Amino acid sequence: MGMPSGDSPQKAQDFYNYLLAHHETERPVEAWYVNWYSLAWVWGFVAALSVILLWWLWQYRTTRQKTLYLVDTWSGYTSELAGPATRFFVLLTAIIVGFAVAIIVGHLVNGQMF
């Protein structure tokens, strides 16, 4: 079938079907399968966050701040309590950034596959 001209509703529909037909053969037909690589990424992320959460709970319950920091105020309102960033926060940030970089690089190298 050649490309229709589109001067009537039927020809416009034929043109739509013509364009759609090109997408039917772009990829080979495959049976349903489990993408174990993607599943490993998801559960790896969940496992890493779970371990970090458990570590944070342990650290939070077994340590106390030895130094008292002053409360920062702004225009008479309390804005935040100054204190050092915990190892939990630093590690959690590093893991989230690491996963984000891996996903972005993976999408740049392999394309976005969903």
PDB file of N, CA and C in Angstrom:
ATOM      1  N   MET A   1       0.846  -1.181   0.000  1.00  0.00           N
ATOM      2  CA  MET A   1       0.000   0.000   0.000  1.00  0.00           C
ATOM      3  C   MET A   1       0.886   1.237   0.000  1.00  0.00           C
ATOM      4  N   GLY A   2       0.591   2.179  -0.846  1.00  0.00           N
ATOM      5  CA  GLY A   2       1.343   3.428  -0.886  1.00  0.00           C
ATOM      6  C   GLY A   2       0.820   4.393   0.150  1.00  0.00           C
ATOM      7  N   MET A   3       1.510   5.495   0.332  1.00  0.00           N
ATOM      8  CA  MET A   3       1.092   6.480   1.312  1.00  0.00           C
ATOM      9  C   MET A   3      -0.129   7.238   0.785  1.00  0.00           C
ATOM     10  N   PRO A   4      -1.241   7.234   1.545  1.00  0.00           N
ATOM     11  CA  PRO A   4      -2.447   7.936   1.094  1.00  0.00           C
ATOM     12  C   PRO A   4      -2.278   9.455   1.182  1.00  0.00           C
ATOM     13  N   SER A   5      -3.123  10.178   0.446  1.00  0.00           N
ATOM     14  CA  SER A   5      -2.996  11.635   0.393  1.00  0.00           C
ATOM     15  C   SER A   5      -3.672  12.336   1.569  1.00  0.00           C
ATOM     16  N   GLY A   6      -4.774  11.813   2.132  1.00  0.00           N
ATOM     17  CA  GLY A   6      -5.426  12.400   3.300  1.00  0.00           C
ATOM     18  C   GLY A   6      -6.458  13.451   2.971  1.00  0.00           C
ATOM     19  N   ASP A   7      -7.091  13.408   1.783  1.00  0.00           N
ATOM     20  CA  ASP A   7      -8.081  14.425   1.432  1.00  0.00           C
ATOM     21  C   ASP A   7      -9.497  14.045   1.853  1.00  0.00           C
ATOM     22  N   SER A   8      -9.675  12.939   2.576  1.00  0.00           N
ATOM     23  CA  SER A   8     -10.985  12.552   3.108  1.00  0.00           C
ATOM     24  C   SER A   8     -10.767  11.871   4.458  1.00  0.00           C
ATOM     25  N   PRO A   9     -11.830  11.782   5.286  1.00  0.00           N
ATOM     26  CA  PRO A   9     -11.667  11.120   6.591  1.00  0.00           C
ATOM     27  C   PRO A   9     -11.189   9.672   6.457  1.00  0.00           C
ATOM     28  N   GLN A  10     -11.668   8.967   5.442  1.00  0.00           N
ATOM     29  CA  GLN A  10     -11.242   7.579   5.259  1.00  0.00           C
ATOM     30  C   GLN A  10      -9.762   7.515   4.891  1.00  0.00           C
ATOM     31  N   LYS A  11      -9.318   8.439   4.044  1.00  0.00           N
ATOM     32  CA  LYS A  11      -7.905   8.447   3.662  1.00  0.00           C
ATOM     33  C   LYS A  11      -7.024   8.866   4.835  1.00  0.00           C
ATOM     34  N   ALA A  12      -7.526   9.761   5.687  1.00  0.00           N
ATOM     35  CA  ALA A  12      -6.766  10.134   6.886  1.00  0.00           C
ATOM     36  C   ALA A  12      -6.628   8.932   7.817  1.00  0.00           C
ATOM     37  N   GLN A  13      -7.700   8.147   7.952  1.00  0.00           N
ATOM     38  CA  GLN A  13      -7.640   6.933   8.759  1.00  0.00           C
ATOM     39  C   GLN A  13      -6.669   5.932   8.141  1.00  0.00           C
ATOM     40  N   ASP A  14      -6.703   5.825   6.812  1.00  0.00           N
ATOM     41  CA  ASP A  14      -5.762   4.931   6.130  1.00  0.00           C
ATOM     42  C   ASP A  14      -4.317   5.369   6.375  1.00  0.00           C
ATOM     43  N   PHE A  15      -4.091   6.700   6.382  1.00  0.00           N
ATOM     44  CA  PHE A  15      -2.753   7.217   6.634  1.00  0.00           C
ATOM     45  C   PHE A  15      -2.309   6.880   8.059  1.00  0.00           C
ATOM     46  N   TYR A  16      -3.234   7.040   9.016  1.00  0.00           N
ATOM     47  CA  TYR A  16      -2.941   6.693  10.411  1.00  0.00           C
ATOM     48  C   TYR A  16      -2.588   5.220  10.517  1.00  0.00           C
ATOM     49  N   ASN A  17      -3.372   4.375   9.881  1.00  0.00           N
ATOM     50  CA  ASN A  17      -3.095   2.932   9.913  1.00  0.00           C
ATOM     51  C   ASN A  17      -1.773   2.611   9.223  1.00  0.00           C
ATOM     52  N   TYR A  18      -1.452   3.339   8.161  1.00  0.00           N
ATOM     53  CA  TYR A  18      -0.193   3.148   7.450  1.00  0.00           C
ATOM     54  C   TYR A  18       0.997   3.462   8.363  1.00  0.00           C
ATOM     55  N   LEU A  19       0.907   4.587   9.084  1.00  0.00           N
ATOM     56  CA  LEU A  19       1.992   4.944   9.999  1.00  0.00           C
ATOM     57  C   LEU A  19       2.080   3.960  11.159  1.00  0.00           C
ATOM     58  N   LEU A  20       0.924   3.550  11.685  1.00  0.00           N
ATOM     59  CA  LEU A  20       0.901   2.621  12.805  1.00  0.00           C
ATOM     60  C   LEU A  20       1.481   1.268  12.415  1.00  0.00           C
ATOM     61  N   ALA A  21       1.278   0.876  11.150  1.00  0.00           N
ATOM     62  CA  ALA A  21       1.778  -0.420  10.698  1.00  0.00           C
ATOM     63  C   ALA A  21       3.297  -0.485  10.747  1.00  0.00           C
ATOM     64  N   HIS A  22       3.979   0.652  10.634  1.00  0.00           N
ATOM     65  CA  HIS A  22       5.435   0.645  10.707  1.00  0.00           C
ATOM     66  C   HIS A  22       5.921   0.282  12.102  1.00  0.00           C
ATOM     67  N   HIS A  23       5.138   0.600  13.125  1.00  0.00           N
ATOM     68  CA  HIS A  23       5.546   0.295  14.496  1.00  0.00           C
ATOM     69  C   HIS A  23       5.270  -1.149  14.883  1.00  0.00           C
ATOM     70  N   GLU A  24       4.505  -1.862  14.098  1.00  0.00           N
ATOM     71  CA  GLU A  24       4.195  -3.251  14.430  1.00  0.00           C
ATOM     72  C   GLU A  24       5.380  -4.177  14.183  1.00  0.00           C
ATOM     73  N   THR A  25       6.323  -3.742  13.366  1.00  0.00           N
ATOM     74  CA  THR A  25       7.444  -4.613  13.015  1.00  0.00           C
ATOM     75  C   THR A  25       8.793  -4.061  13.461  1.00  0.00           C
ATOM     76  N   GLU A  26       8.798  -3.095  14.370  1.00  0.00           N
ATOM     77  CA  GLU A  26      10.068  -2.524  14.815  1.00  0.00           C
ATOM     78  C   GLU A  26      10.895  -3.495  15.633  1.00  0.00           C
ATOM     79  N   ARG A  27      10.248  -4.246  16.476  1.00  0.00           N
ATOM     80  CA  ARG A  27      10.951  -5.185  17.350  1.00  0.00           C
ATOM     81  C   ARG A  27      10.383  -6.576  17.133  1.00  0.00           C
ATOM     82  N   PRO A  28      11.218  -7.578  17.372  1.00  0.00           N
ATOM     83  CA  PRO A  28      10.708  -8.947  17.216  1.00  0.00           C
ATOM     84  C   PRO A  28       9.680  -9.275  18.301  1.00  0.00           C
ATOM     85  N   VAL A  29       8.760 -10.122  17.973  1.00  0.00           N
ATOM     86  CA  VAL A  29       7.744 -10.552  18.929  1.00  0.00           C
ATOM     87  C   VAL A  29       8.395 -11.492  19.923  1.00  0.00           C
ATOM     88  N   GLU A  30       8.223 -11.192  21.195  1.00  0.00           N
ATOM     89  CA  GLU A  30       8.816 -12.007  22.240  1.00  0.00           C
ATOM     90  C   GLU A  30       7.743 -12.447  23.209  1.00  0.00           C
ATOM     91  N   ALA A  31       7.967 -13.601  23.797  1.00  0.00           N
ATOM     92  CA  ALA A  31       7.069 -14.070  24.843  1.00  0.00           C
ATOM     93  C   ALA A  31       7.345 -13.276  26.115  1.00  0.00           C
ATOM     94  N   TRP A  32       6.446 -13.319  27.052  1.00  0.00           N
ATOM     95  CA  TRP A  32       6.612 -12.629  28.319  1.00  0.00           C
ATOM     96  C   TRP A  32       7.788 -13.238  29.060  1.00  0.00           C
ATOM     97  N   TYR A  33       8.591 -12.396  29.678  1.00  0.00           N
ATOM     98  CA  TYR A  33       9.725 -12.884  30.451  1.00  0.00           C
ATOM     99  C   TYR A  33       9.983 -11.941  31.613  1.00  0.00           C
ATOM    100  N   VAL A  34      10.751 -12.414  32.566  1.00  0.00           N
ATOM    101  CA  VAL A  34      11.116 -11.614  33.729  1.00  0.00           C
ATOM    102  C   VAL A  34      12.474 -10.986  33.453  1.00  0.00           C
ATOM    103  N   ASN A  35      12.566  -9.684  33.590  1.00  0.00           N
ATOM    104  CA  ASN A  35      13.833  -8.983  33.430  1.00  0.00           C
ATOM    105  C   ASN A  35      14.547  -9.010  34.784  1.00  0.00           C
ATOM    106  N   TRP A  36      15.379 -10.025  34.962  1.00  0.00           N
ATOM    107  CA  TRP A  36      16.025 -10.239  36.246  1.00  0.00           C
ATOM    108  C   TRP A  36      16.999  -9.122  36.598  1.00  0.00           C
ATOM    109  N   TYR A  37      17.587  -8.497  35.598  1.00  0.00           N
ATOM    110  CA  TYR A  37      18.527  -7.405  35.842  1.00  0.00           C
ATOM    111  C   TYR A  37      17.807  -6.220  36.496  1.00  0.00           C
ATOM    112  N   SER A  38      16.640  -5.873  35.970  1.00  0.00           N
ATOM    113  CA  SER A  38      15.870  -4.770  36.557  1.00  0.00           C
ATOM    114  C   SER A  38      15.366  -5.133  37.950  1.00  0.00           C
ATOM    115  N   LEU A  39      14.945  -6.371  38.112  1.00  0.00           N
ATOM    116  CA  LEU A  39      14.488  -6.812  39.425  1.00  0.00           C
ATOM    117  C   LEU A  39      15.617  -6.755  40.448  1.00  0.00           C
ATOM    118  N   ALA A  40      16.826  -7.125  40.015  1.00  0.00           N
ATOM    119  CA  ALA A  40      17.982  -7.072  40.923  1.00  0.00           C
ATOM    120  C   ALA A  40      18.285  -5.636  41.335  1.00  0.00           C
ATOM    121  N   TRP A  41      18.142  -4.678  40.417  1.00  0.00           N
ATOM    122  CA  TRP A  41      18.359  -3.279  40.759  1.00  0.00           C
ATOM    123  C   TRP A  41      17.342  -2.798  41.781  1.00  0.00           C
ATOM    124  N   VAL A  42      16.083  -3.132  41.554  1.00  0.00           N
ATOM    125  CA  VAL A  42      15.033  -2.671  42.471  1.00  0.00           C
ATOM    126  C   VAL A  42      15.247  -3.255  43.862  1.00  0.00           C
ATOM    127  N   TRP A  43      15.433  -4.573  43.936  1.00  0.00           N
ATOM    128  CA  TRP A  43      15.584  -5.192  45.252  1.00  0.00           C
ATOM    129  C   TRP A  43      16.924  -4.867  45.882  1.00  0.00           C
ATOM    130  N   GLY A  44      17.945  -4.594  45.064  1.00  0.00           N
ATOM    131  CA  GLY A  44      19.218  -4.137  45.612  1.00  0.00           C
ATOM    132  C   GLY A  44      19.074  -2.780  46.276  1.00  0.00           C
ATOM    133  N   PHE A  45      18.314  -1.909  45.631  1.00  0.00           N
ATOM    134  CA  PHE A  45      18.062  -0.588  46.206  1.00  0.00           C
ATOM    135  C   PHE A  45      17.280  -0.711  47.513  1.00  0.00           C
ATOM    136  N   VAL A  46      16.265  -1.548  47.524  1.00  0.00           N
ATOM    137  CA  VAL A  46      15.465  -1.755  48.738  1.00  0.00           C
ATOM    138  C   VAL A  46      16.331  -2.353  49.847  1.00  0.00           C
ATOM    139  N   ALA A  47      17.164  -3.337  49.501  1.00  0.00           N
ATOM    140  CA  ALA A  47      18.036  -3.960  50.502  1.00  0.00           C
ATOM    141  C   ALA A  47      19.027  -2.949  51.065  1.00  0.00           C
ATOM    142  N   ALA A  48      19.622  -2.131  50.184  1.00  0.00           N
ATOM    143  CA  ALA A  48      20.587  -1.125  50.655  1.00  0.00           C
ATOM    144  C   ALA A  48      19.915  -0.127  51.592  1.00  0.00           C
ATOM    145  N   LEU A  49      18.728   0.351  51.232  1.00  0.00           N
ATOM    146  CA  LEU A  49      18.026   1.287  52.115  1.00  0.00           C
ATOM    147  C   LEU A  49      17.632   0.633  53.431  1.00  0.00           C
ATOM    148  N   SER A  50      17.259  -0.642  53.400  1.00  0.00           N
ATOM    149  CA  SER A  50      16.891  -1.342  54.638  1.00  0.00           C
ATOM    150  C   SER A  50      18.085  -1.481  55.569  1.00  0.00           C
ATOM    151  N   VAL A  51      19.242  -1.847  55.010  1.00  0.00           N
ATOM    152  CA  VAL A  51      20.446  -1.981  55.835  1.00  0.00           C
ATOM    153  C   VAL A  51      20.824  -0.631  56.431  1.00  0.00           C
ATOM    154  N   ILE A  52      20.744   0.421  55.639  1.00  0.00           N
ATOM    155  CA  ILE A  52      21.077   1.756  56.139  1.00  0.00           C
ATOM    156  C   ILE A  52      20.094   2.182  57.228  1.00  0.00           C
ATOM    157  N   LEU A  53      18.821   1.882  57.046  1.00  0.00           N
ATOM    158  CA  LEU A  53      17.835   2.232  58.064  1.00  0.00           C
ATOM    159  C   LEU A  53      18.104   1.489  59.367  1.00  0.00           C
ATOM    160  N   LEU A  54      18.410   0.204  59.278  1.00  0.00           N
ATOM    161  CA  LEU A  54      18.718  -0.555  60.491  1.00  0.00           C
ATOM    162  C   LEU A  54      19.980  -0.028  61.160  1.00  0.00           C
ATOM    163  N   TRP A  55      20.981   0.316  60.352  1.00  0.00           N
ATOM    164  CA  TRP A  55      22.196   0.877  60.913  1.00  0.00           C
ATOM    165  C   TRP A  55      21.907   2.210  61.582  1.00  0.00           C
ATOM    166  N   TRP A  56      21.075   3.037  60.972  1.00  0.00           N
ATOM    167  CA  TRP A  56      20.726   4.320  61.565  1.00  0.00           C
ATOM    168  C   TRP A  56      19.995   4.126  62.892  1.00  0.00           C
ATOM    169  N   LEU A  57      19.058   3.176  62.927  1.00  0.00           N
ATOM    170  CA  LEU A  57      18.354   2.907  64.192  1.00  0.00           C
ATOM    171  C   LEU A  57      19.330   2.488  65.281  1.00  0.00           C
ATOM    172  N   TRP A  58      20.278   1.612  64.939  1.00  0.00           N
ATOM    173  CA  TRP A  58      21.272   1.180  65.918  1.00  0.00           C
ATOM    174  C   TRP A  58      22.101   2.371  66.376  1.00  0.00           C
ATOM    175  N   GLN A  59      22.568   3.186  65.421  1.00  0.00           N
ATOM    176  CA  GLN A  59      23.393   4.337  65.774  1.00  0.00           C
ATOM    177  C   GLN A  59      22.606   5.343  66.613  1.00  0.00           C
ATOM    178  N   TYR A  60      21.373   5.578  66.253  1.00  0.00           N
ATOM    179  CA  TYR A  60      20.545   6.549  66.971  1.00  0.00           C
ATOM    180  C   TYR A  60      20.280   6.104  68.405  1.00  0.00           C
ATOM    181  N   ARG A  61      20.073   4.809  68.604  1.00  0.00           N
ATOM    182  CA  ARG A  61      19.748   4.299  69.939  1.00  0.00           C
ATOM    183  C   ARG A  61      20.974   4.136  70.831  1.00  0.00           C
ATOM    184  N   THR A  62      22.180   4.071  70.250  1.00  0.00           N
ATOM    185  CA  THR A  62      23.360   3.796  71.075  1.00  0.00           C
ATOM    186  C   THR A  62      24.275   5.001  71.263  1.00  0.00           C
ATOM    187  N   THR A  63      24.020   6.102  70.591  1.00  0.00           N
ATOM    188  CA  THR A  63      24.902   7.259  70.742  1.00  0.00           C
ATOM    189  C   THR A  63      24.095   8.476  71.158  1.00  0.00           C
ATOM    190  N   ARG A  64      24.777   9.402  71.769  1.00  0.00           N
ATOM    191  CA  ARG A  64      24.167  10.672  72.148  1.00  0.00           C
ATOM    192  C   ARG A  64      25.111  11.789  71.721  1.00  0.00           C
ATOM    193  N   GLN A  65      24.534  12.937  71.408  1.00  0.00           N
ATOM    194  CA  GLN A  65      25.379  14.087  71.109  1.00  0.00           C
ATOM    195  C   GLN A  65      26.014  14.569  72.403  1.00  0.00           C
ATOM    196  N   LYS A  66      27.313  14.720  72.356  1.00  0.00           N
ATOM    197  CA  LYS A  66      28.020  15.164  73.556  1.00  0.00           C
ATOM    198  C   LYS A  66      28.067  16.688  73.640  1.00  0.00           C
ATOM    199  N   THR A  67      27.949  17.349  72.496  1.00  0.00           N
ATOM    200  CA  THR A  67      28.042  18.802  72.474  1.00  0.00           C
ATOM    201  C   THR A  67      26.664  19.398  72.246  1.00  0.00           C
ATOM    202  N   LEU A  68      26.356  20.431  72.993  1.00  0.00           N
ATOM    203  CA  LEU A  68      25.099  21.125  72.771  1.00  0.00           C
ATOM    204  C   LEU A  68      25.341  22.263  71.782  1.00  0.00           C
ATOM    205  N   TYR A  69      24.533  22.312  70.760  1.00  0.00           N
ATOM    206  CA  TYR A  69      24.633  23.374  69.773  1.00  0.00           C
ATOM    207  C   TYR A  69      23.504  24.364  70.007  1.00  0.00           C
ATOM    208  N   LEU A  70      23.774  25.600  69.717  1.00  0.00           N
ATOM    209  CA  LEU A  70      22.761  26.623  69.892  1.00  0.00           C
ATOM    210  C   LEU A  70      21.689  26.487  68.815  1.00  0.00           C
ATOM    211  N   VAL A  71      20.493  26.888  69.171  1.00  0.00           N
ATOM    212  CA  VAL A  71      19.396  26.873  68.220  1.00  0.00           C
ATOM    213  C   VAL A  71      19.482  28.129  67.374  1.00  0.00           C
ATOM    214  N   ASP A  72      19.496  27.957  66.035  1.00  0.00           N
ATOM    215  CA  ASP A  72      19.542  29.113  65.145  1.00  0.00           C
ATOM    216  C   ASP A  72      18.158  29.751  65.097  1.00  0.00           C
ATOM    217  N   THR A  73      18.134  31.069  65.142  1.00  0.00           N
ATOM    218  CA  THR A  73      16.863  31.775  65.029  1.00  0.00           C
ATOM    219  C   THR A  73      16.935  32.752  63.869  1.00  0.00           C
ATOM    220  N   TRP A  74      15.795  32.993  63.290  1.00  0.00           N
ATOM    221  CA  TRP A  74      15.699  33.941  62.188  1.00  0.00           C
ATOM    222  C   TRP A  74      14.412  34.721  62.382  1.00  0.00           C
ATOM    223  N   SER A  75      14.513  36.019  62.536  1.00  0.00           N
ATOM    224  CA  SER A  75      13.371  36.899  62.720  1.00  0.00           C
ATOM    225  C   SER A  75      12.510  36.460  63.901  1.00  0.00           C
ATOM    226  N   GLY A  76      13.148  35.922  64.924  1.00  0.00           N
ATOM    227  CA  GLY A  76      12.423  35.537  66.119  1.00  0.00           C
ATOM    228  C   GLY A  76      11.882  34.118  66.108  1.00  0.00           C
ATOM    229  N   TYR A  77      11.961  33.438  64.960  1.00  0.00           N
ATOM    230  CA  TYR A  77      11.457  32.070  64.874  1.00  0.00           C
ATOM    231  C   TYR A  77      12.625  31.084  64.879  1.00  0.00           C
ATOM    232  N   THR A  78      12.410  29.942  65.472  1.00  0.00           N
ATOM    233  CA  THR A  78      13.445  28.912  65.455  1.00  0.00           C
ATOM    234  C   THR A  78      13.494  28.295  64.069  1.00  0.00           C
ATOM    235  N   SER A  79      14.677  28.301  63.443  1.00  0.00           N
ATOM    236  CA  SER A  79      14.762  27.752  62.088  1.00  0.00           C
ATOM    237  C   SER A  79      15.301  26.336  62.080  1.00  0.00           C
ATOM    238  N   GLU A  80      16.353  26.067  62.822  1.00  0.00           N
ATOM    239  CA  GLU A  80      16.861  24.702  62.887  1.00  0.00           C
ATOM    240  C   GLU A  80      17.838  24.585  64.033  1.00  0.00           C
ATOM    241  N   LEU A  81      18.046  23.370  64.454  1.00  0.00           N
ATOM    242  CA  LEU A  81      19.031  23.087  65.485  1.00  0.00           C
ATOM    243  C   LEU A  81      20.329  22.725  64.781  1.00  0.00           C
ATOM    244  N   ALA A  82      21.383  23.458  65.042  1.00  0.00           N
ATOM    245  CA  ALA A  82      22.655  23.186  64.384  1.00  0.00           C
ATOM    246  C   ALA A  82      23.240  21.895  64.933  1.00  0.00           C
ATOM    247  N   GLY A  83      23.834  21.116  64.064  1.00  0.00           N
ATOM    248  CA  GLY A  83      24.475  19.879  64.478  1.00  0.00           C
ATOM    249  C   GLY A  83      25.188  19.253  63.298  1.00  0.00           C
ATOM    250  N   PRO A  84      26.113  18.358  63.560  1.00  0.00           N
ATOM    251  CA  PRO A  84      26.851  17.745  62.459  1.00  0.00           C
ATOM    252  C   PRO A  84      25.982  16.727  61.717  1.00  0.00           C
ATOM    253  N   ALA A  85      26.311  16.530  60.445  1.00  0.00           N
ATOM    254  CA  ALA A  85      25.624  15.495  59.673  1.00  0.00           C
ATOM    255  C   ALA A  85      26.099  14.137  60.172  1.00  0.00           C
ATOM    256  N   THR A  86      25.162  13.224  60.361  1.00  0.00           N
ATOM    257  CA  THR A  86      25.521  11.896  60.856  1.00  0.00           C
ATOM    258  C   THR A  86      26.075  11.043  59.725  1.00  0.00           C
ATOM    259  N   ARG A  87      26.726   9.960  60.098  1.00  0.00           N
ATOM    260  CA  ARG A  87      27.226   9.010  59.092  1.00  0.00           C
ATOM    261  C   ARG A  87      26.066   8.436  58.294  1.00  0.00           C
ATOM    262  N   PHE A  88      24.938   8.251  58.941  1.00  0.00           N
ATOM    263  CA  PHE A  88      23.758   7.734  58.247  1.00  0.00           C
ATOM    264  C   PHE A  88      23.366   8.641  57.095  1.00  0.00           C
ATOM    265  N   PHE A  89      23.294   9.929  57.347  1.00  0.00           N
ATOM    266  CA  PHE A  89      22.890  10.870  56.307  1.00  0.00           C
ATOM    267  C   PHE A  89      23.887  10.880  55.154  1.00  0.00           C
ATOM    268  N   VAL A  90      25.160  10.873  55.472  1.00  0.00           N
ATOM    269  CA  VAL A  90      26.198  10.879  54.433  1.00  0.00           C
ATOM    270  C   VAL A  90      26.125   9.603  53.605  1.00  0.00           C
ATOM    271  N   LEU A  91      25.978   8.453  54.259  1.00  0.00           N
ATOM    272  CA  LEU A  91      25.909   7.181  53.532  1.00  0.00           C
ATOM    273  C   LEU A  91      24.630   7.083  52.716  1.00  0.00           C
ATOM    274  N   LEU A  92      23.506   7.498  53.263  1.00  0.00           N
ATOM    275  CA  LEU A  92      22.243   7.468  52.531  1.00  0.00           C
ATOM    276  C   LEU A  92      22.328   8.353  51.286  1.00  0.00           C
ATOM    277  N   THR A  93      22.903   9.541  51.443  1.00  0.00           N
ATOM    278  CA  THR A  93      23.067  10.439  50.296  1.00  0.00           C
ATOM    279  C   THR A  93      23.976   9.816  49.247  1.00  0.00           C
ATOM    280  N   ALA A  94      25.055   9.190  49.663  1.00  0.00           N
ATOM    281  CA  ALA A  94      25.983   8.553  48.717  1.00  0.00           C
ATOM    282  C   ALA A  94      25.318   7.411  47.965  1.00  0.00           C
ATOM    283  N   ILE A  95      24.512   6.619  48.654  1.00  0.00           N
ATOM    284  CA  ILE A  95      23.837   5.493  47.987  1.00  0.00           C
ATOM    285  C   ILE A  95      22.804   5.999  46.995  1.00  0.00           C
ATOM    286  N   ILE A  96      22.017   6.983  47.370  1.00  0.00           N
ATOM    287  CA  ILE A  96      21.006   7.510  46.456  1.00  0.00           C
ATOM    288  C   ILE A  96      21.665   8.151  45.238  1.00  0.00           C
ATOM    289  N   VAL A  97      22.733   8.906  45.454  1.00  0.00           N
ATOM    290  CA  VAL A  97      23.450   9.515  44.326  1.00  0.00           C
ATOM    291  C   VAL A  97      24.078   8.437  43.458  1.00  0.00           C
ATOM    292  N   GLY A  98      24.634   7.402  44.070  1.00  0.00           N
ATOM    293  CA  GLY A  98      25.226   6.295  43.303  1.00  0.00           C
ATOM    294  C   GLY A  98      24.205   5.593  42.423  1.00  0.00           C
ATOM    295  N   PHE A  99      23.044   5.284  42.968  1.00  0.00           N
ATOM    296  CA  PHE A  99      21.989   4.660  42.171  1.00  0.00           C
ATOM    297  C   PHE A  99      21.528   5.595  41.057  1.00  0.00           C
ATOM    298  N   ALA A 100      21.388   6.879  41.346  1.00  0.00           N
ATOM    299  CA  ALA A 100      20.952   7.828  40.325  1.00  0.00           C
ATOM    300  C   ALA A 100      21.961   7.918  39.189  1.00  0.00           C
ATOM    301  N   VAL A 101      23.240   7.976  39.516  1.00  0.00           N
ATOM    302  CA  VAL A 101      24.277   8.032  38.480  1.00  0.00           C
ATOM    303  C   VAL A 101      24.263   6.751  37.651  1.00  0.00           C
ATOM    304  N   ALA A 102      24.136   5.604  38.300  1.00  0.00           N
ATOM    305  CA  ALA A 102      24.105   4.344  37.564  1.00  0.00           C
ATOM    306  C   ALA A 102      22.910   4.276  36.623  1.00  0.00           C
ATOM    307  N   ILE A 103      21.760   4.740  37.065  1.00  0.00           N
ATOM    308  CA  ILE A 103      20.571   4.720  36.211  1.00  0.00           C
ATOM    309  C   ILE A 103      20.730   5.696  35.048  1.00  0.00           C
ATOM    310  N   ILE A 104      21.246   6.891  35.312  1.00  0.00           N
ATOM    311  CA  ILE A 104      21.412   7.880  34.248  1.00  0.00           C
ATOM    312  C   ILE A 104      22.430   7.393  33.220  1.00  0.00           C
ATOM    313  N   VAL A 105      23.557   6.875  33.684  1.00  0.00           N
ATOM    314  CA  VAL A 105      24.568   6.363  32.749  1.00  0.00           C
ATOM    315  C   VAL A 105      24.009   5.179  31.967  1.00  0.00           C
ATOM    316  N   GLY A 106      23.268   4.313  32.638  1.00  0.00           N
ATOM    317  CA  GLY A 106      22.648   3.187  31.947  1.00  0.00           C
ATOM    318  C   GLY A 106      21.686   3.634  30.870  1.00  0.00           C
ATOM    319  N   HIS A 107      20.913   4.674  31.137  1.00  0.00           N
ATOM    320  CA  HIS A 107      19.978   5.196  30.127  1.00  0.00           C
ATOM    321  C   HIS A 107      20.732   5.851  28.977  1.00  0.00           C
ATOM    322  N   LEU A 108      21.835   6.535  29.266  1.00  0.00           N
ATOM    323  CA  LEU A 108      22.606   7.162  28.202  1.00  0.00           C
ATOM    324  C   LEU A 108      23.290   6.127  27.312  1.00  0.00           C
ATOM    325  N   VAL A 109      23.751   5.045  27.905  1.00  0.00           N
ATOM    326  CA  VAL A 109      24.462   4.016  27.141  1.00  0.00           C
ATOM    327  C   VAL A 109      23.492   3.107  26.406  1.00  0.00           C
ATOM    328  N   ASN A 110      22.441   2.640  27.083  1.00  0.00           N
ATOM    329  CA  ASN A 110      21.535   1.645  26.506  1.00  0.00           C
ATOM    330  C   ASN A 110      20.234   2.226  25.987  1.00  0.00           C
ATOM    331  N   GLY A 111      19.975   3.478  26.237  1.00  0.00           N
ATOM    332  CA  GLY A 111      18.670   4.032  25.916  1.00  0.00           C
ATOM    333  C   GLY A 111      17.713   3.708  27.042  1.00  0.00           C
ATOM    334  N   GLN A 112      16.580   4.401  27.070  1.00  0.00           N
ATOM    335  CA  GLN A 112      15.606   4.151  28.120  1.00  0.00           C
ATOM    336  C   GLN A 112      14.769   2.947  27.743  1.00  0.00           C
ATOM    337  N   MET A 113      14.937   1.897  28.510  1.00  0.00           N
ATOM    338  CA  MET A 113      14.165   0.684  28.256  1.00  0.00           C
ATOM    339  C   MET A 113      13.230   0.467  29.427  1.00  0.00           C
ATOM    340  N   PHE A 114      11.938   0.522  29.154  1.00  0.00           N
ATOM    341  CA  PHE A 114      10.945   0.347  30.212  1.00  0.00           C
ATOM    342  C   PHE A 114      10.073  -0.822  29.857  1.00  0.00           C
TER     343      PHE A 114
END
